Structures are given as structure tokens and as C-alpha cells.
Protein backbone atom coordinates (compact mmCIF):
# COMPACT_ATOMS: atom_id res chain seq x y z
CA MET A 1 23.51 174.59 133.13
CA ILE A 2 26.35 171.82 133.98
CA TYR A 3 27.39 171.63 137.35
CA LYS A 4 30.66 170.79 139.11
CA GLN A 5 31.41 168.55 141.46
CA ALA A 6 32.78 171.41 144.13
CA GLN A 7 28.24 172.98 143.44
CA ILE A 8 27.36 169.05 143.36
CA GLU A 9 28.85 168.94 146.72
CA LYS A 10 27.47 172.14 148.12
CA TYR A 11 23.59 171.36 147.26
CA LEU A 12 23.91 168.13 148.57
CA LYS A 13 24.78 170.04 152.09
CA LYS A 14 22.27 172.21 151.37
CA PRO A 15 19.51 171.53 148.67
CA GLU A 16 18.49 174.73 146.60
CA PRO A 17 15.00 174.72 146.19
CA SER A 18 15.45 176.81 142.83
CA ILE A 19 16.95 173.46 141.00
CA LYS A 20 13.85 172.15 139.93
CA CYS A 21 14.91 168.89 138.11
CA TRP A 22 18.95 167.66 137.73
CA ILE A 23 19.63 165.25 134.44
CA ILE A 24 22.32 162.81 135.03
CA TYR A 25 23.56 161.36 132.41
CA GLY A 26 26.86 159.80 130.38
CA THR A 27 28.94 155.78 130.12
CA ASN A 28 30.43 155.67 133.92
CA ASP A 29 26.82 153.93 135.17
CA GLY A 30 27.80 153.27 138.51
CA LEU A 31 28.48 157.23 139.02
CA VAL A 32 25.32 158.05 136.58
CA ASN A 33 23.52 155.81 140.06
CA GLU A 34 25.38 157.50 142.74
CA TYR A 35 24.43 160.28 141.88
CA VAL A 36 20.24 159.73 141.82
CA LYS A 37 21.11 158.00 145.52
CA LYS A 38 22.66 161.09 146.80
CA LEU A 39 20.63 163.63 145.52
CA THR A 40 17.53 161.90 146.40
CA ALA A 41 18.20 161.29 150.33
CA ALA A 42 19.85 165.25 150.28
CA VAL A 43 15.89 166.34 149.79
CA CYS A 44 14.62 162.79 151.55
CA PRO A 45 16.85 161.29 153.47
CA ASP A 46 14.94 158.24 153.12
CA ILE A 47 14.86 157.26 149.63
CA TYR A 48 12.94 154.40 149.66
CA ASP A 49 9.91 156.14 151.41
CA PRO A 50 6.83 155.86 148.67
CA PHE A 51 4.75 159.28 150.33
CA GLN A 52 8.33 161.14 149.56
CA VAL A 53 10.01 159.52 146.78
CA VAL A 54 8.45 157.76 143.59
CA TYR A 55 10.06 155.94 140.36
CA LEU A 56 9.27 155.67 137.36
CA ASN A 57 10.04 154.19 134.03
CA CYS A 58 10.78 156.95 131.44
CA GLU A 59 8.24 154.58 128.61
CA ASP A 60 5.29 154.42 131.26
CA ILE A 61 6.05 158.19 130.63
CA ILE A 62 5.90 158.48 126.50
CA GLY A 63 2.65 155.86 126.76
CA ASP A 64 0.43 158.33 129.56
CA ALA A 65 2.18 162.00 130.41
CA GLY A 66 -0.48 161.76 133.42
CA VAL A 67 1.72 159.72 134.93
CA LEU A 68 3.98 162.11 135.35
CA ILE A 69 1.78 165.48 136.37
CA GLY A 70 -0.05 163.80 138.42
CA GLU A 71 2.57 162.60 140.75
CA PHE A 72 4.14 165.91 140.15
CA ASN A 73 1.21 167.45 141.69
CA ALA A 74 0.26 165.29 143.95
CA GLN A 75 0.91 167.10 147.98
CA SER A 76 3.22 165.14 150.41
CA LEU A 77 1.44 163.41 153.16
CA MET A 78 4.26 163.63 155.52
CA GLY A 79 4.75 167.28 154.04
CA GLY A 80 8.08 167.75 153.39
CA ARG A 81 9.84 167.74 149.29
CA ARG A 82 8.50 164.74 147.06
CA VAL A 83 11.43 164.14 144.35
CA ILE A 84 10.39 162.01 141.24
CA VAL A 85 13.21 159.72 140.28
CA ILE A 86 12.89 158.85 135.77
CA LYS A 87 15.25 155.91 134.74
CA ASP A 88 16.04 155.39 131.93
CA ALA A 89 15.65 158.83 130.11
CA ASP A 90 14.99 159.36 125.88
CA ASN A 91 14.58 162.15 124.00
CA ASN A 92 11.01 161.40 124.21
CA LEU A 93 11.05 162.53 127.56
CA THR A 94 12.27 166.30 126.24
CA LYS A 95 8.31 167.56 125.30
CA HIS A 96 6.71 166.34 128.28
CA LEU A 97 9.87 168.07 130.37
CA LYS A 98 8.50 170.84 129.30
CA ALA A 99 5.41 171.18 129.63
CA LEU A 100 5.72 170.02 133.14
CA PHE A 101 7.65 172.84 133.97
CA GLU A 102 6.25 175.54 131.85
CA ASN A 103 3.33 176.77 134.44
CA ALA A 104 4.93 174.57 137.74
CA LYS A 105 3.66 174.91 140.51
CA SER A 106 4.53 172.22 142.70
CA ASP A 107 7.76 171.91 144.39
CA THR A 108 8.47 169.10 143.47
CA LEU A 109 11.62 167.71 141.90
CA VAL A 110 12.34 165.11 139.47
CA ILE A 111 15.87 163.56 138.48
CA VAL A 112 16.15 162.47 134.92
CA TYR A 113 19.23 159.98 134.17
CA SER A 114 20.17 157.44 131.44
CA ALA A 115 23.44 155.87 130.16
CA SER A 116 21.75 155.94 126.89
CA LEU A 117 22.37 160.35 126.72
CA ASN A 118 25.07 162.22 125.16
CA LYS A 119 25.89 165.63 124.69
CA LYS A 120 23.42 166.35 121.53
CA SER A 121 20.59 164.71 122.66
CA SER A 122 17.44 166.97 123.07
CA LEU A 123 16.86 166.30 126.97
CA VAL A 124 20.27 167.36 127.39
CA ASN A 125 20.44 170.56 125.67
CA LEU A 126 17.49 171.08 127.29
CA GLY A 127 18.78 171.60 130.29
CA GLU A 128 21.69 173.49 129.58
CA ASP A 129 19.38 176.24 128.04
CA GLU A 130 17.22 175.77 132.00
CA ALA A 131 18.11 178.11 134.39
CA ASP A 132 16.43 175.57 137.13
CA PHE A 133 17.68 172.75 135.28
CA ALA A 134 20.50 170.84 136.79
CA LEU A 135 23.20 168.40 134.35
CA VAL A 136 25.28 166.76 135.79
CA ALA A 137 28.17 164.09 133.46
CA CYS A 138 29.24 160.84 134.13
CA TYR A 139 31.77 159.87 132.63
CA GLU A 140 34.98 156.91 133.24
CA ASP A 141 37.07 157.44 136.77
CA ARG A 142 40.04 158.89 136.13
CA ASP A 143 43.09 158.25 138.72
CA GLU A 144 42.37 160.77 141.49
CA ASP A 145 38.19 159.20 141.53
CA ILE A 146 39.50 156.05 142.33
CA TYR A 147 41.50 156.98 144.31
CA ALA A 148 39.23 158.96 145.86
CA THR A 149 36.39 156.15 145.77
CA ALA A 150 38.57 153.48 147.42
CA LYS A 151 40.07 155.68 150.42
CA SER A 152 36.52 157.21 151.10
CA LEU A 153 34.85 153.79 150.93
CA PHE A 154 38.00 152.42 154.13
CA LEU A 155 37.16 156.11 155.97
CA GLN A 156 33.73 154.91 156.22
CA ASN A 157 34.14 152.05 157.83
CA GLY A 158 36.36 152.65 160.48
CA MET A 159 39.41 150.74 158.41
CA THR A 160 42.81 152.03 157.19
CA ILE A 161 45.14 150.48 153.89
CA GLY A 162 49.32 150.46 153.45
CA ASN A 163 49.98 152.43 151.28
CA ASP A 164 51.27 149.13 149.33
CA ALA A 165 48.16 147.77 149.19
CA LEU A 166 46.38 150.90 148.11
CA GLN A 167 48.35 151.53 144.97
CA LEU A 168 48.17 147.93 144.48
CA LEU A 169 44.23 147.80 144.91
CA CYS A 170 43.97 151.01 142.15
CA ALA A 171 45.62 150.42 139.71
CA ARG A 172 43.92 146.91 139.91
CA LEU A 173 40.57 149.03 139.91
CA SER A 174 38.97 149.79 136.60
CA ASN A 175 37.14 152.73 135.85
CA ASP A 176 33.58 152.24 136.28
CA ARG A 177 33.03 153.39 139.55
CA LYS A 178 29.81 150.66 139.94
CA SER A 179 32.20 147.72 139.06
CA ASN A 180 34.67 149.47 141.74
CA LEU A 181 32.30 149.71 144.70
CA GLY A 182 31.30 145.57 143.87
CA GLU A 183 35.41 145.20 144.64
CA ILE A 184 35.57 146.78 147.21
CA ASP A 185 33.01 146.16 148.76
CA LYS A 186 33.89 142.15 148.82
CA LEU A 187 37.21 143.73 150.35
CA ILE A 188 35.33 144.42 153.02
CA THR A 189 32.90 141.81 153.57
CA TYR A 190 36.31 139.63 153.37
CA MET A 191 38.46 141.17 156.30
CA GLY A 192 35.33 140.63 158.68
CA SER A 193 36.05 142.61 161.75
CA LYS A 194 40.41 143.28 160.72
CA LYS A 195 40.30 147.17 160.26
CA ASN A 196 43.98 147.34 158.73
CA VAL A 197 43.55 146.32 154.78
CA THR A 198 47.14 144.97 153.45
CA LEU A 199 49.06 143.46 150.56
CA ASP A 200 48.67 140.51 150.88
CA ASP A 201 44.38 140.93 151.52
CA VAL A 202 44.06 142.95 148.46
CA SER A 203 46.72 139.91 146.71
CA LYS A 204 43.95 137.14 147.23
CA VAL A 205 40.35 139.33 146.79
CA ILE A 206 40.81 141.53 143.95
CA SER A 207 41.57 140.66 140.24
CA ASP A 208 42.69 142.85 137.46
CA THR A 209 39.79 144.33 136.27
CA SER A 210 41.70 147.50 134.93
CA SER A 211 40.30 148.54 131.70
CA SER A 212 42.20 150.88 129.66
CA SER A 213 42.01 154.25 130.46
CA SER A 214 42.98 157.48 128.53
CA ASP A 215 45.80 158.34 131.04
CA ASP A 216 47.03 154.57 130.86
CA VAL A 217 47.88 156.18 126.75
CA CYS A 218 48.96 159.66 127.50
CA PHE A 219 51.26 157.54 130.25
CA SER A 220 52.52 155.23 128.06
CA ALA A 221 53.29 157.30 124.74
CA ALA A 222 55.50 159.98 126.75
CA ALA A 223 57.17 157.32 128.02
CA GLY A 224 58.04 156.06 125.32
CA GLN A 225 55.97 152.99 125.49
CA LYS A 226 55.30 152.48 121.50
CA ASP A 227 53.09 148.59 121.97
CA LYS A 228 51.48 150.44 125.43
CA THR A 229 50.60 153.20 123.97
CA LEU A 230 49.17 151.57 120.49
CA GLN A 231 47.26 148.97 122.64
CA ALA A 232 45.74 150.95 124.95
CA PHE A 233 44.29 153.85 122.20
CA GLN A 234 42.95 150.72 120.89
CA LYS A 235 41.32 149.32 123.34
CA LEU A 236 39.83 152.51 123.77
CA VAL A 237 38.91 153.02 120.73
CA ASN A 238 36.71 149.47 120.71
CA GLU A 239 35.32 150.48 123.72
CA GLY A 240 33.89 153.13 121.93
CA THR A 241 36.08 156.65 123.26
CA ASP A 242 36.21 159.30 121.15
CA PRO A 243 39.89 159.46 119.78
CA ALA A 244 39.69 163.48 119.46
CA MET A 245 38.68 162.49 122.63
CA ILE A 246 42.80 160.96 123.35
CA ILE A 247 44.11 164.13 121.87
CA ARG A 248 42.97 166.75 124.42
CA SER A 249 43.94 164.05 127.10
CA MET A 250 47.52 163.84 125.78
CA VAL A 251 46.98 167.67 125.84
CA TYR A 252 46.19 167.99 129.47
CA HIS A 253 49.07 165.36 130.20
CA PHE A 254 51.79 167.32 128.48
CA ASN A 255 50.18 171.14 129.88
CA ARG A 256 51.02 169.29 133.11
CA LEU A 257 54.85 168.17 132.08
CA LEU A 258 55.45 172.00 130.98
CA ASN A 259 53.66 173.23 134.39
CA CYS A 260 56.69 171.38 136.39
CA VAL A 261 59.52 172.17 133.81
CA ALA A 262 57.96 176.08 134.95
CA ILE A 263 57.34 175.39 138.24
CA MET A 264 61.76 173.60 138.08
CA GLU A 265 62.58 176.84 136.62
CA SER A 266 62.60 178.76 139.19
CA GLY A 267 64.20 176.81 141.01
CA GLU A 268 62.58 173.44 142.75
CA THR A 269 63.99 170.64 142.80
CA LEU A 270 61.99 168.15 140.46
CA ASP A 271 60.03 166.14 143.49
CA ARG A 272 58.90 169.81 145.22
CA ALA A 273 57.34 170.06 141.22
CA VAL A 274 55.55 167.02 141.41
CA MET A 275 54.63 167.38 144.87
CA LYS A 276 53.30 171.55 143.59
CA LEU A 277 50.74 170.64 141.09
CA THR A 278 46.95 170.78 141.41
CA PRO A 279 44.82 168.25 141.23
CA ARG A 280 48.17 166.00 142.33
CA VAL A 281 50.08 163.20 140.10
CA ILE A 282 48.15 160.08 141.45
CA PHE A 283 50.51 158.60 143.88
CA PHE A 284 51.03 154.66 141.19
CA ARG A 285 51.68 156.92 138.58
CA GLU A 286 54.29 159.76 140.10
CA ASN A 287 57.68 157.59 138.91
CA SER A 288 56.33 157.42 135.94
CA PHE A 289 55.39 160.71 135.59
CA LYS A 290 58.92 162.19 137.14
CA ARG A 291 60.41 159.61 134.40
CA GLN A 292 58.77 161.43 131.46
CA LEU A 293 60.91 164.87 132.98
CA THR A 294 64.05 163.78 132.29
CA LEU A 295 62.68 162.95 128.89
CA TRP A 296 61.01 165.78 128.40
CA SER A 297 62.76 169.82 127.75
CA LYS A 298 60.43 173.03 127.74
CA ASP A 299 61.44 173.13 123.83
CA ARG A 300 59.92 169.68 123.12
CA ILE A 301 57.27 170.04 125.10
CA PHE A 302 56.22 173.11 122.77
CA SER A 303 56.26 170.62 120.08
CA VAL A 304 54.48 168.54 121.20
CA LEU A 305 52.19 170.72 122.18
CA GLU A 306 51.88 172.16 119.02
CA LEU A 307 51.86 168.08 117.42
CA LEU A 308 48.85 167.64 119.12
CA TYR A 309 47.30 171.26 118.19
CA LYS A 310 47.67 170.00 114.82
CA CYS A 311 46.48 166.74 115.25
CA GLU A 312 43.02 167.95 116.60
CA ARG A 313 42.58 170.73 113.18
CA ASP A 314 43.17 167.06 110.82
CA THR A 315 40.37 165.32 113.12
CA ARG A 316 38.13 168.29 112.06
CA SER A 317 39.43 168.37 108.35
CA ASN A 318 41.02 165.94 106.90
CA ASN A 319 40.13 162.70 104.93
CA MET A 320 41.63 160.13 106.52
CA PRO A 321 40.29 158.37 109.04
CA VAL A 322 40.03 160.37 112.54
CA GLU A 323 41.52 157.04 114.21
CA ASP A 324 44.83 156.57 112.51
CA VAL A 325 45.65 160.23 112.21
CA VAL A 326 45.75 159.41 115.98
CA SER A 327 47.37 156.79 116.35
CA TYR A 328 49.63 158.44 114.01
CA THR A 329 50.30 161.36 116.35
CA LEU A 330 50.77 159.46 119.49
CA MET A 331 53.40 156.73 118.00
CA GLN A 332 54.85 160.20 116.83
CA ILE A 333 54.93 160.93 120.47
CA ALA A 334 55.24 158.14 121.73
CA SER A 335 58.77 157.37 119.08
CA ALA A 336 60.15 160.57 120.47
CA ALA A 337 59.85 159.60 123.93
CA ALA A 338 61.76 155.67 123.24
CA SER A 339 64.69 157.82 121.29
CA ALA A 340 65.04 160.56 124.41
CA ALA A 341 65.38 157.13 126.82
CA ALA A 342 67.93 155.24 125.30
CA LYS A 343 69.95 158.85 125.04
CA LEU A 344 69.61 159.01 128.93
CA ASN A 345 70.45 155.52 129.66
CA GLN A 346 73.28 156.05 127.66
CA ARG A 347 75.06 158.38 129.72
CA TYR A 348 74.32 156.00 132.57
């Protein structure tokens, strides 16, 4: 079964013995590695204890399945539950895991991970079908993930960071957790004994490693920034992002705008409406989001959502290339926003 963030956090505090195997996959390599370490440590605090934790490569198991069976059934010399971590897993491992757990007597936890797996992989399908398997999908960090990671690391190191400095830092970080951890660690090392990170510190240490995300496309299109929308969209496509996934992100974004409009119609101010959104709009995008609320009325948002739903249907049934269908829709939305912005500017 697929585990959400709240379920993972609950497991990390109190591991469930009923979970026999974790399968962690997705293109966010840094996040995958982070989960592997945390899940291993939840059962065995010393993740490098050779008596408690065993690390195997998938190819070793494919070459000799007895390696996995032997480690799985081995008894811990020190007592406690053992962990087997299998890296670079592929679909060749599926039959071996099935056989391993058919008549399993051992309580050894198996953690399988790979960036090459996806939702269609037989190994992932196995995890969805088995009640004692847990799946974790790790894709690009969203704005709120980048913010939470940075805040957490500074807190762990007893450091504080000003709002302006944090805004610049988050804007310069990428959507890859591994890369971000390295950049933040570099900043912490640079700080030495200083405990308050300033704007100047971030400017000196952190280069702009940001990459396009679906949020970039959504915020640019809804704000009427046509060139920026197209650039961000093309970059995502070049990186392998499914264009249909970008349309789903757009639907999510405009539904959040619609929620805000509904809150304002109940008597709240624009600022209060934005503050009531869950999850909150990441702070360095708040001004853009508020500006968009002045461009999009409820009726116009409904029209955009209808356009997006049509686009999503077309990506499944239209003979045109999916990339062309999606980019055309994005340009329609960005053009409409640009026209609304021009009219608004004429009033003032």
C-alpha cells in the first residue's frame, strides 16, 4: 500500500512489525536516500552495524537468490530486528521478493530502493497488492518541501535565519533534495560559530541551482508571464516530465485560487483568505498569488478549469502530440492573464 507523509512519520516514531518490506522509488534521489536512512534507523539506530543491517545490490541477488534468503533468515547475534537494504532494484527482483515472503518466518525488515522504478513497474505493483508492503514515491520537492527542509536543518544545528535570507535561499535551491542538502550543509559549514544566517551569507555561499518545477509553470501562466511560462514548461519536458502532469498541477493551482475567492466572498480580506489556505502558499510566492487573485474572477477561474479538463482529455485521445496540446493550453491561460493585467494597470 502507498504510504503518505503522515503515515511515514508515524512509522518512524513507532515502527509497525506488520510492515515486512518498504519499496522506495522515484526520481528525487536525495529524498529516496533520506527515507532509506530514516526507515533503517527507525529499526536499527546504528545503520552501519554489520550484525543488524545488511546492504545488498540487486544484481547480487539476481545472480544468486540464496544470498537474500540466507540474510533474511539469519538470526541477529545481538538481538533485535535486522534490516536488509537492497539498492538499485529493478523488476527482476519481483519474483524473488514474492518467493521470499510466501512462507516467511523471519521478522527481518527489507528495504528496497531505486530511482529507475515507476508506477508501472512490477515491483511497485507488488507493493500495492501486498498488505504488508509499504510504498513511498519520491518525486521533485515542491516549494513547501524546500522550505521545510531548510528550516529543519537550521533548527537541528541551533541556527536561525532571517526572512529575507530564507526567501533568497529557497529561491536559489533546486527541486532535488540531495542537491539541496549539500548546498545547505555548505552554508552551515561556512557559518562556523555564527548562529544567525544573513542575506549576505546566502548571497556569498549559495549559487542559483534552481530548476524549473510545475509551480514555476503554474505561477507564471496564472500571472500572464507568457515567455517565462513557455521556458519553464519546455525545461520540464526536456527533463522528462510528463506534460499531462503539468496540467494536473495547473488544475490544483486554479482550485486553490477558487478556494480563496470563495473565502473572500464570505467576507474575509484577500490577505486573510490567502492565510487560510491549507497548505499555506509558500512565503516567497505569496505576492504573486495575491496578484493573481486580482486577475481571476470566479467565473474566469471556472472557464480555465473547464479548459484544463478538456486539455487533459485531449492528451489521452487527441492525435496531436501531447506536448503541443499542453503548451497551447498554457499559452491561452497566460495570454488571458496578461490581458487582465493590462486592463487592471490601465485603471491605476
